[in-house]
Amino acid sequence: MFAVLEAHPFLEEYLLAYHEAFRRIARPGGRTGWTRMTTLGDVAIEMDVTWRRLVRDRQSEALEALRRLRLAVAGDDAGSTVENGIRLLDLLGGLAATEEQVLAPIAERAFSPGDWAAVRELEDGVGWSLIAAPPPWPGP
């Protein structure tokens, strides 16, 4: 846990609110003691949750923020538009950081060259309309 929180400090606030098992982080000595002796796997077993579910829950939060933003825009409510827009940007930033700093390194270690080839075949149709070209994939 310690290494994860050191590398991804944005996760601490989210994890504290996510499940009571993570509240040990906030106890005296928890950030430097408990987190050094506990792995995410230990907590996941205690919580009966996977990283997939954790990310999915964060995605759900972002979709809800997007829904609220759209309602605020449709209702011409400037204050709510700004509030929900800021919330959505924070959530999307956290999701992007989670993907880049946690999920991508896991995939780089776990995917075979054939897996990367399959991902590359699909990437032109998934989301790349927002940028000029996809970044290069790791080579075999």
C-alpha atoms as a PDB file:
ATOM      1  CA  MET A   1       0.000   0.000   0.000  1.00  0.00           C
ATOM      2  CA  PHE A   2       2.793   2.417   0.910  1.00  0.00           C
ATOM      3  CA  ALA A   3       4.411   2.269  -2.531  1.00  0.00           C
ATOM      4  CA  VAL A   4       1.046   2.698  -4.256  1.00  0.00           C
ATOM      5  CA  LEU A   5       0.176   5.770  -2.182  1.00  0.00           C
ATOM      6  CA  GLU A   6       3.646   7.223  -2.636  1.00  0.00           C
ATOM      7  CA  ALA A   7       3.393   6.794  -6.403  1.00  0.00           C
ATOM      8  CA  HIS A   8      -0.292   7.770  -6.627  1.00  0.00           C
ATOM      9  CA  PRO A   9      -1.102  10.214  -3.802  1.00  0.00           C
ATOM     10  CA  PHE A  10      -4.407  11.153  -5.471  1.00  0.00           C
ATOM     11  CA  LEU A  11      -5.713   7.709  -4.460  1.00  0.00           C
ATOM     12  CA  GLU A  12      -5.486   8.310  -0.698  1.00  0.00           C
ATOM     13  CA  GLU A  13      -8.548  10.541  -0.357  1.00  0.00           C
ATOM     14  CA  TYR A  14     -10.563   8.306  -2.640  1.00  0.00           C
ATOM     15  CA  LEU A  15      -9.578   5.109  -0.815  1.00  0.00           C
ATOM     16  CA  LEU A  16     -10.364   6.623   2.588  1.00  0.00           C
ATOM     17  CA  ALA A  17     -13.910   7.277   1.433  1.00  0.00           C
ATOM     18  CA  TYR A  18     -14.208   4.045  -0.551  1.00  0.00           C
ATOM     19  CA  HIS A  19     -14.185   1.450   2.230  1.00  0.00           C
ATOM     20  CA  GLU A  20     -13.669   1.326   5.983  1.00  0.00           C
ATOM     21  CA  ALA A  21     -10.677  -0.994   5.528  1.00  0.00           C
ATOM     22  CA  PHE A  22      -8.730   1.968   4.115  1.00  0.00           C
ATOM     23  CA  ARG A  23      -9.541   4.185   7.110  1.00  0.00           C
ATOM     24  CA  ARG A  24      -6.502   2.656   8.820  1.00  0.00           C
ATOM     25  CA  ILE A  25      -4.440   4.983   6.638  1.00  0.00           C
ATOM     26  CA  ALA A  26      -5.747   7.969   8.604  1.00  0.00           C
ATOM     27  CA  ARG A  27      -4.958   6.502  12.053  1.00  0.00           C
ATOM     28  CA  PRO A  28      -1.813   7.701  13.829  1.00  0.00           C
ATOM     29  CA  GLY A  29       1.070   5.852  12.203  1.00  0.00           C
ATOM     30  CA  GLY A  30      -1.217   4.328   9.591  1.00  0.00           C
ATOM     31  CA  ARG A  31       0.275   6.144   6.614  1.00  0.00           C
ATOM     32  CA  THR A  32       3.797   5.067   7.458  1.00  0.00           C
ATOM     33  CA  GLY A  33       3.191   1.845   9.419  1.00  0.00           C
ATOM     34  CA  TRP A  34       0.063   0.003   8.320  1.00  0.00           C
ATOM     35  CA  THR A  35       0.553   0.859   4.651  1.00  0.00           C
ATOM     36  CA  ARG A  36       4.109  -0.558   4.710  1.00  0.00           C
ATOM     37  CA  MET A  37       2.868  -3.908   6.070  1.00  0.00           C
ATOM     38  CA  THR A  38      -0.271  -4.247   3.963  1.00  0.00           C
ATOM     39  CA  THR A  39      -0.663  -4.941   0.260  1.00  0.00           C
ATOM     40  CA  LEU A  40      -3.591  -3.983  -1.940  1.00  0.00           C
ATOM     41  CA  GLY A  41      -4.232  -7.697  -2.244  1.00  0.00           C
ATOM     42  CA  ASP A  42      -4.624  -7.952   1.542  1.00  0.00           C
ATOM     43  CA  VAL A  43      -7.160  -5.138   1.559  1.00  0.00           C
ATOM     44  CA  ALA A  44      -8.928  -6.457  -1.532  1.00  0.00           C
ATOM     45  CA  ILE A  45      -9.423  -9.805   0.181  1.00  0.00           C
ATOM     46  CA  GLU A  46     -10.736  -8.106   3.316  1.00  0.00           C
ATOM     47  CA  MET A  47     -13.081  -5.928   1.265  1.00  0.00           C
ATOM     48  CA  ASP A  48     -13.900  -8.653  -1.251  1.00  0.00           C
ATOM     49  CA  VAL A  49     -13.189  -6.178  -4.065  1.00  0.00           C
ATOM     50  CA  THR A  50     -10.885  -6.120  -7.087  1.00  0.00           C
ATOM     51  CA  TRP A  51      -9.038  -3.281  -8.807  1.00  0.00           C
ATOM     52  CA  ARG A  52     -11.477  -3.755 -11.665  1.00  0.00           C
ATOM     53  CA  ARG A  53     -14.406  -2.952  -9.369  1.00  0.00           C
ATOM     54  CA  LEU A  54     -12.558  -0.026  -7.817  1.00  0.00           C
ATOM     55  CA  VAL A  55     -11.894   1.489 -11.257  1.00  0.00           C
ATOM     56  CA  ARG A  56     -15.446   0.729 -12.375  1.00  0.00           C
ATOM     57  CA  ASP A  57     -16.778   2.573  -9.314  1.00  0.00           C
ATOM     58  CA  ARG A  58     -14.600   5.582 -10.154  1.00  0.00           C
ATOM     59  CA  GLN A  59     -15.883   5.457 -13.745  1.00  0.00           C
ATOM     60  CA  SER A  60     -19.447   5.421 -12.426  1.00  0.00           C
ATOM     61  CA  GLU A  61     -18.699   8.525 -10.376  1.00  0.00           C
ATOM     62  CA  ALA A  62     -17.360  10.269 -13.484  1.00  0.00           C
ATOM     63  CA  LEU A  63     -20.444   9.310 -15.511  1.00  0.00           C
ATOM     64  CA  GLU A  64     -22.688  10.660 -12.755  1.00  0.00           C
ATOM     65  CA  ALA A  65     -20.710  13.908 -12.721  1.00  0.00           C
ATOM     66  CA  LEU A  66     -21.122  14.111 -16.506  1.00  0.00           C
ATOM     67  CA  ARG A  67     -24.875  13.552 -16.174  1.00  0.00           C
ATOM     68  CA  ARG A  68     -25.109  16.338 -13.581  1.00  0.00           C
ATOM     69  CA  LEU A  69     -23.011  18.636 -15.752  1.00  0.00           C
ATOM     70  CA  ARG A  70     -25.310  18.066 -18.725  1.00  0.00           C
ATOM     71  CA  LEU A  71     -28.363  18.814 -16.572  1.00  0.00           C
ATOM     72  CA  ALA A  72     -26.750  22.015 -15.293  1.00  0.00           C
ATOM     73  CA  VAL A  73     -25.894  23.127 -18.832  1.00  0.00           C
ATOM     74  CA  ALA A  74     -29.392  22.295 -20.069  1.00  0.00           C
ATOM     75  CA  GLY A  75     -30.877  24.220 -17.139  1.00  0.00           C
ATOM     76  CA  ASP A  76     -28.610  27.205 -17.804  1.00  0.00           C
ATOM     77  CA  ASP A  77     -27.333  26.984 -14.213  1.00  0.00           C
ATOM     78  CA  ALA A  78     -23.887  28.590 -14.315  1.00  0.00           C
ATOM     79  CA  GLY A  79     -22.949  27.798 -10.711  1.00  0.00           C
ATOM     80  CA  SER A  80     -23.825  24.111 -11.000  1.00  0.00           C
ATOM     81  CA  THR A  81     -22.168  23.935 -14.414  1.00  0.00           C
ATOM     82  CA  VAL A  82     -18.879  25.181 -12.973  1.00  0.00           C
ATOM     83  CA  GLU A  83     -19.151  22.982  -9.863  1.00  0.00           C
ATOM     84  CA  ASN A  84     -19.976  19.830 -11.831  1.00  0.00           C
ATOM     85  CA  GLY A  85     -17.438  20.647 -14.535  1.00  0.00           C
ATOM     86  CA  ILE A  86     -14.664  20.937 -11.963  1.00  0.00           C
ATOM     87  CA  ARG A  87     -15.786  17.684 -10.294  1.00  0.00           C
ATOM     88  CA  LEU A  88     -15.824  15.899 -13.659  1.00  0.00           C
ATOM     89  CA  LEU A  89     -12.351  17.161 -14.566  1.00  0.00           C
ATOM     90  CA  ASP A  90     -10.995  15.989 -11.198  1.00  0.00           C
ATOM     91  CA  LEU A  91     -12.539  12.543 -11.645  1.00  0.00           C
ATOM     92  CA  LEU A  92     -11.307  12.208 -15.220  1.00  0.00           C
ATOM     93  CA  GLY A  93      -7.832  13.305 -14.163  1.00  0.00           C
ATOM     94  CA  GLY A  94      -7.835  10.642 -11.458  1.00  0.00           C
ATOM     95  CA  LEU A  95      -9.022   7.985 -13.889  1.00  0.00           C
ATOM     96  CA  ALA A  96      -6.383   8.949 -16.446  1.00  0.00           C
ATOM     97  CA  ALA A  97      -3.676   8.909 -13.780  1.00  0.00           C
ATOM     98  CA  THR A  98      -4.875   5.518 -12.536  1.00  0.00           C
ATOM     99  CA  GLU A  99      -4.744   4.146 -16.058  1.00  0.00           C
ATOM    100  CA  GLU A 100      -1.328   5.616 -16.815  1.00  0.00           C
ATOM    101  CA  GLN A 101       0.347   4.946 -13.484  1.00  0.00           C
ATOM    102  CA  VAL A 102      -1.300   1.715 -12.338  1.00  0.00           C
ATOM    103  CA  LEU A 103      -3.110  -0.139 -15.108  1.00  0.00           C
ATOM    104  CA  ALA A 104      -0.723   0.536 -18.009  1.00  0.00           C
ATOM    105  CA  PRO A 105       2.355  -0.760 -16.139  1.00  0.00           C
ATOM    106  CA  ILE A 106       0.414  -3.874 -15.140  1.00  0.00           C
ATOM    107  CA  ALA A 107      -0.602  -4.405 -18.778  1.00  0.00           C
ATOM    108  CA  GLU A 108       2.967  -3.855 -19.994  1.00  0.00           C
ATOM    109  CA  ARG A 109       4.167  -6.669 -17.736  1.00  0.00           C
ATOM    110  CA  ALA A 110       1.213  -9.006 -18.349  1.00  0.00           C
ATOM    111  CA  PHE A 111       0.402  -8.642 -22.067  1.00  0.00           C
ATOM    112  CA  SER A 112       2.111 -10.823 -24.639  1.00  0.00           C
ATOM    113  CA  PRO A 113       3.141  -9.481 -28.065  1.00  0.00           C
ATOM    114  CA  GLY A 114      -0.028 -11.121 -29.454  1.00  0.00           C
ATOM    115  CA  ASP A 115      -2.147  -9.258 -26.880  1.00  0.00           C
ATOM    116  CA  TRP A 116      -0.581  -5.938 -27.907  1.00  0.00           C
ATOM    117  CA  ALA A 117      -1.210  -6.746 -31.577  1.00  0.00           C
ATOM    118  CA  ALA A 118      -4.884  -7.397 -30.810  1.00  0.00           C
ATOM    119  CA  VAL A 119      -5.133  -4.104 -28.903  1.00  0.00           C
ATOM    120  CA  ARG A 120      -3.486  -2.274 -31.805  1.00  0.00           C
ATOM    121  CA  GLU A 121      -6.029  -3.725 -34.247  1.00  0.00           C
ATOM    122  CA  LEU A 122      -8.840  -2.197 -32.201  1.00  0.00           C
ATOM    123  CA  GLU A 123      -7.310   1.112 -31.240  1.00  0.00           C
ATOM    124  CA  ASP A 124      -8.212   3.030 -34.414  1.00  0.00           C
ATOM    125  CA  GLY A 125     -11.893   2.686 -33.597  1.00  0.00           C
ATOM    126  CA  VAL A 126     -11.722   3.399 -29.881  1.00  0.00           C
ATOM    127  CA  GLY A 127     -11.422   6.982 -28.769  1.00  0.00           C
ATOM    128  CA  TRP A 128      -8.631   8.209 -30.980  1.00  0.00           C
ATOM    129  CA  SER A 129     -10.856  10.739 -32.703  1.00  0.00           C
ATOM    130  CA  LEU A 130      -9.895  13.082 -29.859  1.00  0.00           C
ATOM    131  CA  ILE A 131      -6.178  13.127 -30.722  1.00  0.00           C
ATOM    132  CA  ALA A 132      -4.252  13.134 -33.982  1.00  0.00           C
ATOM    133  CA  ALA A 133      -2.650   9.716 -33.583  1.00  0.00           C
ATOM    134  CA  PRO A 134      -2.428   7.052 -30.892  1.00  0.00           C
ATOM    135  CA  PRO A 135       0.826   6.771 -28.968  1.00  0.00           C
ATOM    136  CA  PRO A 136       3.114   3.913 -30.013  1.00  0.00           C
ATOM    137  CA  TRP A 137       2.565   0.588 -28.274  1.00  0.00           C
ATOM    138  CA  PRO A 138       5.402  -1.244 -26.594  1.00  0.00           C
ATOM    139  CA  GLY A 139       7.322  -3.297 -29.095  1.00  0.00           C
ATOM    140  CA  PRO A 140       7.706  -7.079 -28.889  1.00  0.00           C
END
